[in-house]
C-alpha atoms as a PDB file:
ATOM      1  CA  MET A   1      18.315 -20.443  -5.637  1.00  0.00           C
ATOM      2  CA  ALA A   2      16.386 -23.653  -6.322  1.00  0.00           C
ATOM      3  CA  PHE A   3      13.125 -23.214  -8.237  1.00  0.00           C
ATOM      4  CA  ASN A   4      11.135 -25.038  -5.523  1.00  0.00           C
ATOM      5  CA  THR A   5      12.448 -22.629  -2.890  1.00  0.00           C
ATOM      6  CA  TRP A   6      11.613 -19.590  -4.989  1.00  0.00           C
ATOM      7  CA  PHE A   7       8.152 -20.922  -5.874  1.00  0.00           C
ATOM      8  CA  ALA A   8       7.309 -21.584  -2.213  1.00  0.00           C
ATOM      9  CA  TYR A   9       8.382 -18.022  -1.409  1.00  0.00           C
ATOM     10  CA  LEU A  10       6.292 -16.683  -4.304  1.00  0.00           C
ATOM     11  CA  LEU A  11       3.155 -18.460  -3.076  1.00  0.00           C
ATOM     12  CA  LEU A  12       3.688 -17.165   0.464  1.00  0.00           C
ATOM     13  CA  MET A  13       4.274 -13.573  -0.630  1.00  0.00           C
ATOM     14  CA  THR A  14       1.306 -13.681  -2.998  1.00  0.00           C
ATOM     15  CA  ALA A  15      -0.958 -14.666  -0.114  1.00  0.00           C
ATOM     16  CA  ILE A  16       0.479 -11.839   1.998  1.00  0.00           C
ATOM     17  CA  ALA A  17       0.315  -9.223  -0.779  1.00  0.00           C
ATOM     18  CA  TYR A  18      -3.290  -9.985  -1.743  1.00  0.00           C
ATOM     19  CA  THR A  19      -4.545  -9.928   1.840  1.00  0.00           C
ATOM     20  CA  PRO A  20      -6.316  -6.564   2.398  1.00  0.00           C
ATOM     21  CA  GLY A  21      -3.965  -4.139   4.110  1.00  0.00           C
ATOM     22  CA  PRO A  22      -3.229  -0.403   4.259  1.00  0.00           C
ATOM     23  CA  MET A  23      -1.576  -0.203   0.816  1.00  0.00           C
ATOM     24  CA  THR A  24      -4.123  -2.298  -1.071  1.00  0.00           C
ATOM     25  CA  MET A  25      -6.992  -0.462   0.576  1.00  0.00           C
ATOM     26  CA  PHE A  26      -5.345   2.880  -0.201  1.00  0.00           C
ATOM     27  CA  SER A  27      -4.940   1.858  -3.863  1.00  0.00           C
ATOM     28  CA  MET A  28      -8.616   0.982  -4.065  1.00  0.00           C
ATOM     29  CA  SER A  29      -9.751   4.176  -2.331  1.00  0.00           C
ATOM     30  CA  SER A  30      -7.529   6.312  -4.572  1.00  0.00           C
ATOM     31  CA  SER A  31      -8.986   4.623  -7.646  1.00  0.00           C
ATOM     32  CA  VAL A  32     -12.516   5.227  -6.375  1.00  0.00           C
ATOM     33  CA  ARG A  33     -11.638   8.883  -5.914  1.00  0.00           C
ATOM     34  CA  ASN A  34      -9.385   9.566  -8.915  1.00  0.00           C
ATOM     35  CA  GLY A  35      -9.832   6.742 -11.408  1.00  0.00           C
ATOM     36  CA  PHE A  36      -7.402   3.965 -12.313  1.00  0.00           C
ATOM     37  CA  ALA A  37      -4.973   5.924 -14.502  1.00  0.00           C
ATOM     38  CA  ARG A  38      -4.369   8.606 -11.879  1.00  0.00           C
ATOM     39  CA  THR A  39      -3.923   5.950  -9.202  1.00  0.00           C
ATOM     40  CA  LEU A  40      -0.847   4.493 -10.914  1.00  0.00           C
ATOM     41  CA  PRO A  41       1.478   7.174  -9.419  1.00  0.00           C
ATOM     42  CA  ALA A  42       0.124   6.307  -5.958  1.00  0.00           C
ATOM     43  CA  ILE A  43       0.855   2.625  -6.599  1.00  0.00           C
ATOM     44  CA  ALA A  44       4.339   3.554  -7.793  1.00  0.00           C
ATOM     45  CA  GLY A  45       4.838   5.528  -4.585  1.00  0.00           C
ATOM     46  CA  GLY A  46       3.788   2.553  -2.475  1.00  0.00           C
ATOM     47  CA  SER A  47       6.136   0.277  -4.423  1.00  0.00           C
ATOM     48  CA  CYS A  48       9.011   2.697  -3.836  1.00  0.00           C
ATOM     49  CA  ALA A  49       8.192   2.636  -0.119  1.00  0.00           C
ATOM     50  CA  TYR A  50       8.552  -1.155  -0.107  1.00  0.00           C
ATOM     51  CA  VAL A  51      11.873  -0.844  -1.941  1.00  0.00           C
ATOM     52  CA  THR A  52      13.013   1.581   0.769  1.00  0.00           C
ATOM     53  CA  GLN A  53      11.953  -0.862   3.480  1.00  0.00           C
ATOM     54  CA  MET A  54      13.702  -3.771   1.771  1.00  0.00           C
ATOM     55  CA  LEU A  55      16.854  -1.645   1.594  1.00  0.00           C
ATOM     56  CA  ILE A  56      16.521  -0.979   5.326  1.00  0.00           C
ATOM     57  CA  VAL A  57      16.300  -4.714   5.946  1.00  0.00           C
ATOM     58  CA  TYR A  58      19.233  -5.376   3.611  1.00  0.00           C
ATOM     59  CA  LEU A  59      21.358  -2.972   5.637  1.00  0.00           C
ATOM     60  CA  GLY A  60      20.355  -4.751   8.845  1.00  0.00           C
ATOM     61  CA  LEU A  61      18.163  -2.040  10.314  1.00  0.00           C
ATOM     62  CA  GLY A  62      15.045  -4.179  10.179  1.00  0.00           C
ATOM     63  CA  VAL A  63      16.251  -5.941  13.316  1.00  0.00           C
ATOM     64  CA  VAL A  64      16.026  -2.620  15.177  1.00  0.00           C
ATOM     65  CA  VAL A  65      12.335  -2.242  14.329  1.00  0.00           C
ATOM     66  CA  GLN A  66      11.717  -5.905  15.086  1.00  0.00           C
ATOM     67  CA  SER A  67      13.333  -5.719  18.526  1.00  0.00           C
ATOM     68  CA  SER A  68      11.932  -2.345  19.596  1.00  0.00           C
ATOM     69  CA  SER A  69       8.256  -2.265  20.497  1.00  0.00           C
ATOM     70  CA  LEU A  70       8.505   1.509  20.939  1.00  0.00           C
ATOM     71  CA  ILE A  71       9.760   2.138  17.396  1.00  0.00           C
ATOM     72  CA  PHE A  72       7.210  -0.282  15.968  1.00  0.00           C
ATOM     73  CA  GLY A  73       4.413   1.391  17.909  1.00  0.00           C
ATOM     74  CA  ILE A  74       5.423   4.909  16.867  1.00  0.00           C
ATOM     75  CA  ILE A  75       5.543   4.024  13.162  1.00  0.00           C
ATOM     76  CA  LYS A  76       2.288   2.085  13.361  1.00  0.00           C
ATOM     77  CA  TRP A  77       0.266   4.774  15.117  1.00  0.00           C
ATOM     78  CA  VAL A  78       1.603   7.535  12.879  1.00  0.00           C
ATOM     79  CA  GLY A  79       0.290   5.425  10.010  1.00  0.00           C
ATOM     80  CA  VAL A  80      -3.080   4.908  11.710  1.00  0.00           C
ATOM     81  CA  VAL A  81      -3.539   8.644  12.327  1.00  0.00           C
ATOM     82  CA  TYR A  82      -2.486   9.423   8.747  1.00  0.00           C
ATOM     83  CA  LEU A  83      -5.054   7.035   7.244  1.00  0.00           C
ATOM     84  CA  LEU A  84      -7.833   8.228   9.570  1.00  0.00           C
ATOM     85  CA  VAL A  85      -7.138  11.870   8.704  1.00  0.00           C
ATOM     86  CA  LEU A  86      -7.450  10.993   5.010  1.00  0.00           C
ATOM     87  CA  ALA A  87     -10.697   9.155   5.781  1.00  0.00           C
ATOM     88  CA  VAL A  88     -12.208  12.116   7.654  1.00  0.00           C
ATOM     89  CA  ARG A  89     -11.202  14.512   4.870  1.00  0.00           C
ATOM     90  CA  ASN A  90     -12.888  12.322   2.263  1.00  0.00           C
ATOM     91  CA  TRP A  91     -16.008  11.895   4.417  1.00  0.00           C
ATOM     92  CA  ARG A  92     -16.357  15.670   4.760  1.00  0.00           C
ATOM     93  CA  GLN A  93     -15.512  16.371   1.121  1.00  0.00           C
ATOM     94  CA  PRO A  94     -18.412  18.217  -0.559  1.00  0.00           C
ATOM     95  CA  PRO A  95     -20.004  16.561  -3.600  1.00  0.00           C
ATOM     96  CA  VAL A  96     -18.644  17.560  -6.982  1.00  0.00           C
ATOM     97  CA  ASP A  97     -20.879  20.075  -8.738  1.00  0.00           C
ATOM     98  CA  ALA A  98     -21.897  20.150 -12.374  1.00  0.00           C
ATOM     99  CA  SER A  99     -18.881  22.263 -13.327  1.00  0.00           C
ATOM    100  CA  TRP A 100     -16.412  19.561 -12.259  1.00  0.00           C
ATOM    101  CA  ASP A 101     -14.069  18.739 -15.124  1.00  0.00           C
ATOM    102  CA  PRO A 102     -12.303  15.336 -14.899  1.00  0.00           C
ATOM    103  CA  ALA A 103      -9.676  16.595 -17.328  1.00  0.00           C
ATOM    104  CA  ARG A 104      -8.567  19.117 -14.691  1.00  0.00           C
ATOM    105  CA  PRO A 105      -8.044  17.086 -11.506  1.00  0.00           C
ATOM    106  CA  THR A 106      -7.279  18.904  -8.288  1.00  0.00           C
ATOM    107  CA  THR A 107      -4.701  16.399  -7.013  1.00  0.00           C
ATOM    108  CA  THR A 108      -1.340  16.424  -8.796  1.00  0.00           C
ATOM    109  CA  LEU A 109       0.428  13.243  -9.852  1.00  0.00           C
ATOM    110  CA  ALA A 110       3.359  14.156  -7.602  1.00  0.00           C
ATOM    111  CA  ARG A 111       1.043  14.444  -4.604  1.00  0.00           C
ATOM    112  CA  LEU A 112      -0.535  11.080  -5.406  1.00  0.00           C
ATOM    113  CA  PHE A 113       2.937   9.539  -5.562  1.00  0.00           C
ATOM    114  CA  CYS A 114       3.841  11.064  -2.185  1.00  0.00           C
ATOM    115  CA  LEU A 115       0.579   9.852  -0.631  1.00  0.00           C
ATOM    116  CA  GLY A 116       1.281   6.320  -1.857  1.00  0.00           C
ATOM    117  CA  TYR A 117       4.852   6.473  -0.544  1.00  0.00           C
ATOM    118  CA  ALA A 118       3.700   7.765   2.844  1.00  0.00           C
ATOM    119  CA  THR A 119       1.075   5.026   3.087  1.00  0.00           C
ATOM    120  CA  GLY A 120       3.612   2.304   2.316  1.00  0.00           C
ATOM    121  CA  MET A 121       6.192   3.670   4.750  1.00  0.00           C
ATOM    122  CA  SER A 122       3.626   4.064   7.548  1.00  0.00           C
ATOM    123  CA  ASN A 123       3.124   0.290   7.784  1.00  0.00           C
ATOM    124  CA  PRO A 124       5.992  -1.237   9.833  1.00  0.00           C
ATOM    125  CA  LYS A 125       4.651  -4.772   9.422  1.00  0.00           C
ATOM    126  CA  SER A 126       6.200  -5.027   5.970  1.00  0.00           C
ATOM    127  CA  ILE A 127       9.669  -4.453   7.463  1.00  0.00           C
ATOM    128  CA  LEU A 128       8.988  -7.270   9.909  1.00  0.00           C
ATOM    129  CA  VAL A 129       7.828  -9.536   7.074  1.00  0.00           C
ATOM    130  CA  PHE A 130      11.032  -8.884   5.153  1.00  0.00           C
ATOM    131  CA  THR A 131      13.184  -9.284   8.266  1.00  0.00           C
ATOM    132  CA  VAL A 132      11.598 -12.540   9.394  1.00  0.00           C
ATOM    133  CA  LEU A 133      10.799 -14.274   6.095  1.00  0.00           C
ATOM    134  CA  PHE A 134      13.647 -13.351   3.768  1.00  0.00           C
ATOM    135  CA  PRO A 135      16.324 -15.228   5.768  1.00  0.00           C
ATOM    136  CA  GLN A 136      14.250 -18.416   5.497  1.00  0.00           C
ATOM    137  CA  PHE A 137      14.825 -18.489   1.734  1.00  0.00           C
ATOM    138  CA  ILE A 138      18.340 -17.047   1.472  1.00  0.00           C
ATOM    139  CA  ASP A 139      21.566 -19.052   1.281  1.00  0.00           C
ATOM    140  CA  PRO A 140      24.101 -17.004   3.296  1.00  0.00           C
ATOM    141  CA  GLY A 141      26.731 -17.872   0.715  1.00  0.00           C
ATOM    142  CA  HIS A 142      24.708 -16.095  -1.978  1.00  0.00           C
ATOM    143  CA  TYR A 143      23.118 -13.404   0.180  1.00  0.00           C
ATOM    144  CA  ASP A 144      23.235 -10.506  -2.294  1.00  0.00           C
ATOM    145  CA  VAL A 145      21.881 -12.431  -5.300  1.00  0.00           C
ATOM    146  CA  HIS A 146      19.173 -14.234  -3.338  1.00  0.00           C
ATOM    147  CA  PHE A 147      18.052 -11.039  -1.602  1.00  0.00           C
ATOM    148  CA  LEU A 148      17.760  -9.327  -4.980  1.00  0.00           C
ATOM    149  CA  ILE A 149      15.658 -12.219  -6.348  1.00  0.00           C
ATOM    150  CA  LEU A 150      13.313 -12.161  -3.360  1.00  0.00           C
ATOM    151  CA  ALA A 151      13.021  -8.365  -3.409  1.00  0.00           C
ATOM    152  CA  ALA A 152      12.282  -8.230  -7.150  1.00  0.00           C
ATOM    153  CA  SER A 153       9.699 -11.003  -6.833  1.00  0.00           C
ATOM    154  CA  PHE A 154       7.903  -9.209  -4.016  1.00  0.00           C
ATOM    155  CA  PHE A 155       8.012  -5.925  -5.945  1.00  0.00           C
ATOM    156  CA  VAL A 156       6.165  -7.550  -8.860  1.00  0.00           C
ATOM    157  CA  VAL A 157       3.633  -9.411  -6.675  1.00  0.00           C
ATOM    158  CA  GLN A 158       2.873  -6.371  -4.532  1.00  0.00           C
ATOM    159  CA  GLY A 159       2.464  -4.182  -7.611  1.00  0.00           C
ATOM    160  CA  SER A 160       0.038  -6.638  -9.201  1.00  0.00           C
ATOM    161  CA  SER A 161      -1.956  -6.755  -5.964  1.00  0.00           C
ATOM    162  CA  ALA A 162      -2.248  -2.968  -5.783  1.00  0.00           C
ATOM    163  CA  VAL A 163      -3.250  -2.812  -9.465  1.00  0.00           C
ATOM    164  CA  THR A 164      -5.930  -5.480  -8.935  1.00  0.00           C
ATOM    165  CA  TYR A 165      -7.465  -3.567  -6.028  1.00  0.00           C
ATOM    166  CA  ALA A 166      -7.229  -0.307  -8.000  1.00  0.00           C
ATOM    167  CA  LEU A 167      -9.010  -1.840 -10.993  1.00  0.00           C
ATOM    168  CA  PHE A 168     -11.861  -2.843  -8.714  1.00  0.00           C
ATOM    169  CA  GLY A 169     -11.950   0.704  -7.375  1.00  0.00           C
ATOM    170  CA  ALA A 170     -11.926   2.127 -10.920  1.00  0.00           C
ATOM    171  CA  ARG A 171     -15.090   0.189 -11.770  1.00  0.00           C
ATOM    172  CA  THR A 172     -16.747   1.746  -8.729  1.00  0.00           C
ATOM    173  CA  PHE A 173     -15.368   5.147  -9.772  1.00  0.00           C
ATOM    174  CA  ARG A 174     -16.950   4.970 -13.241  1.00  0.00           C
ATOM    175  CA  TRP A 175     -20.282   3.718 -11.887  1.00  0.00           C
ATOM    176  CA  LEU A 176     -20.506   6.576  -9.385  1.00  0.00           C
ATOM    177  CA  ARG A 177     -19.432   9.247 -11.880  1.00  0.00           C
ATOM    178  CA  GLU A 178     -21.943   8.105 -14.493  1.00  0.00           C
ATOM    179  CA  ARG A 179     -24.737   8.458 -11.947  1.00  0.00           C
ATOM    180  CA  CYS A 180     -23.432  11.689 -10.380  1.00  0.00           C
ATOM    181  CA  LEU A 181     -23.259  10.003  -6.972  1.00  0.00           C
ATOM    182  CA  THR A 182     -20.212  11.953  -5.892  1.00  0.00           C
ATOM    183  CA  ARG A 183     -21.213  12.262  -2.248  1.00  0.00           C
ATOM    184  CA  LEU A 184     -21.554   8.497  -2.068  1.00  0.00           C
ATOM    185  CA  GLN A 185     -18.173   8.249  -3.784  1.00  0.00           C
ATOM    186  CA  ASN A 186     -16.567  10.334  -1.046  1.00  0.00           C
ATOM    187  CA  ARG A 187     -18.208   8.202   1.641  1.00  0.00           C
ATOM    188  CA  VAL A 188     -17.069   4.951  -0.001  1.00  0.00           C
ATOM    189  CA  THR A 189     -13.510   6.274  -0.161  1.00  0.00           C
ATOM    190  CA  ALA A 190     -13.675   7.313   3.498  1.00  0.00           C
ATOM    191  CA  VAL A 191     -14.991   3.916   4.635  1.00  0.00           C
ATOM    192  CA  ILE A 192     -12.192   2.119   2.761  1.00  0.00           C
ATOM    193  CA  LEU A 193      -9.588   4.347   4.414  1.00  0.00           C
ATOM    194  CA  PHE A 194     -11.193   3.848   7.834  1.00  0.00           C
ATOM    195  CA  CYS A 195     -10.917   0.084   7.273  1.00  0.00           C
ATOM    196  CA  ALA A 196      -7.269   0.436   6.249  1.00  0.00           C
ATOM    197  CA  GLY A 197      -6.542   2.423   9.414  1.00  0.00           C
ATOM    198  CA  GLY A 198      -8.369  -0.173  11.492  1.00  0.00           C
ATOM    199  CA  LEU A 199      -6.365  -3.031   9.957  1.00  0.00           C
ATOM    200  CA  LEU A 200      -3.148  -1.236  10.771  1.00  0.00           C
ATOM    201  CA  ALA A 201      -4.318  -0.338  14.304  1.00  0.00           C
ATOM    202  CA  VAL A 202      -5.015  -3.959  15.271  1.00  0.00           C
ATOM    203  CA  SER A 203      -1.805  -5.292  13.718  1.00  0.00           C
ATOM    204  CA  GLU A 204       0.741  -6.698  16.124  1.00  0.00           C
ATOM    205  CA  LYS A 205       4.300  -7.905  15.941  1.00  0.00           C
END
């Protein structure tokens, strides 16, 4: 793959990855709620979801989602409902009392990973992005190698995007904890998740 081709792809995917979407918003909300370190498993889960979707595209199943409005709609609205349920739960979450111990979090790392994976898989637009854009940069004669290069590049860019949003959320997390504004923290998390659900709801093919 020519460097110019790869660099053009990298710029395009960077713009896509850093545009606010369900996964970036989820990373930020998780960091607001749990802190940056405990958000890393959620980011890893989201990254694994994208790997799963890229594998689906590699095997040719992305065309099925692209051509079926019904399948696309089902996946999208399951994702919307999932994000809105998380938002409502955070909005109704009672404030943390004085006995709250940050060294004993209530959400396990495995659950955070699963939540990140579910969030990534609930967004069908990423499958469409891979299905539509990858072929524009792949030489059919070197399909396997070029696909691997594009997939690895996106994996790194998407991960850096999620980490950037999570770091911003972690700053908010520390500020709220230091001032014991836990109810506000829950509301901020809920609003971010509501926005993520709204972005997914208005997305189209």
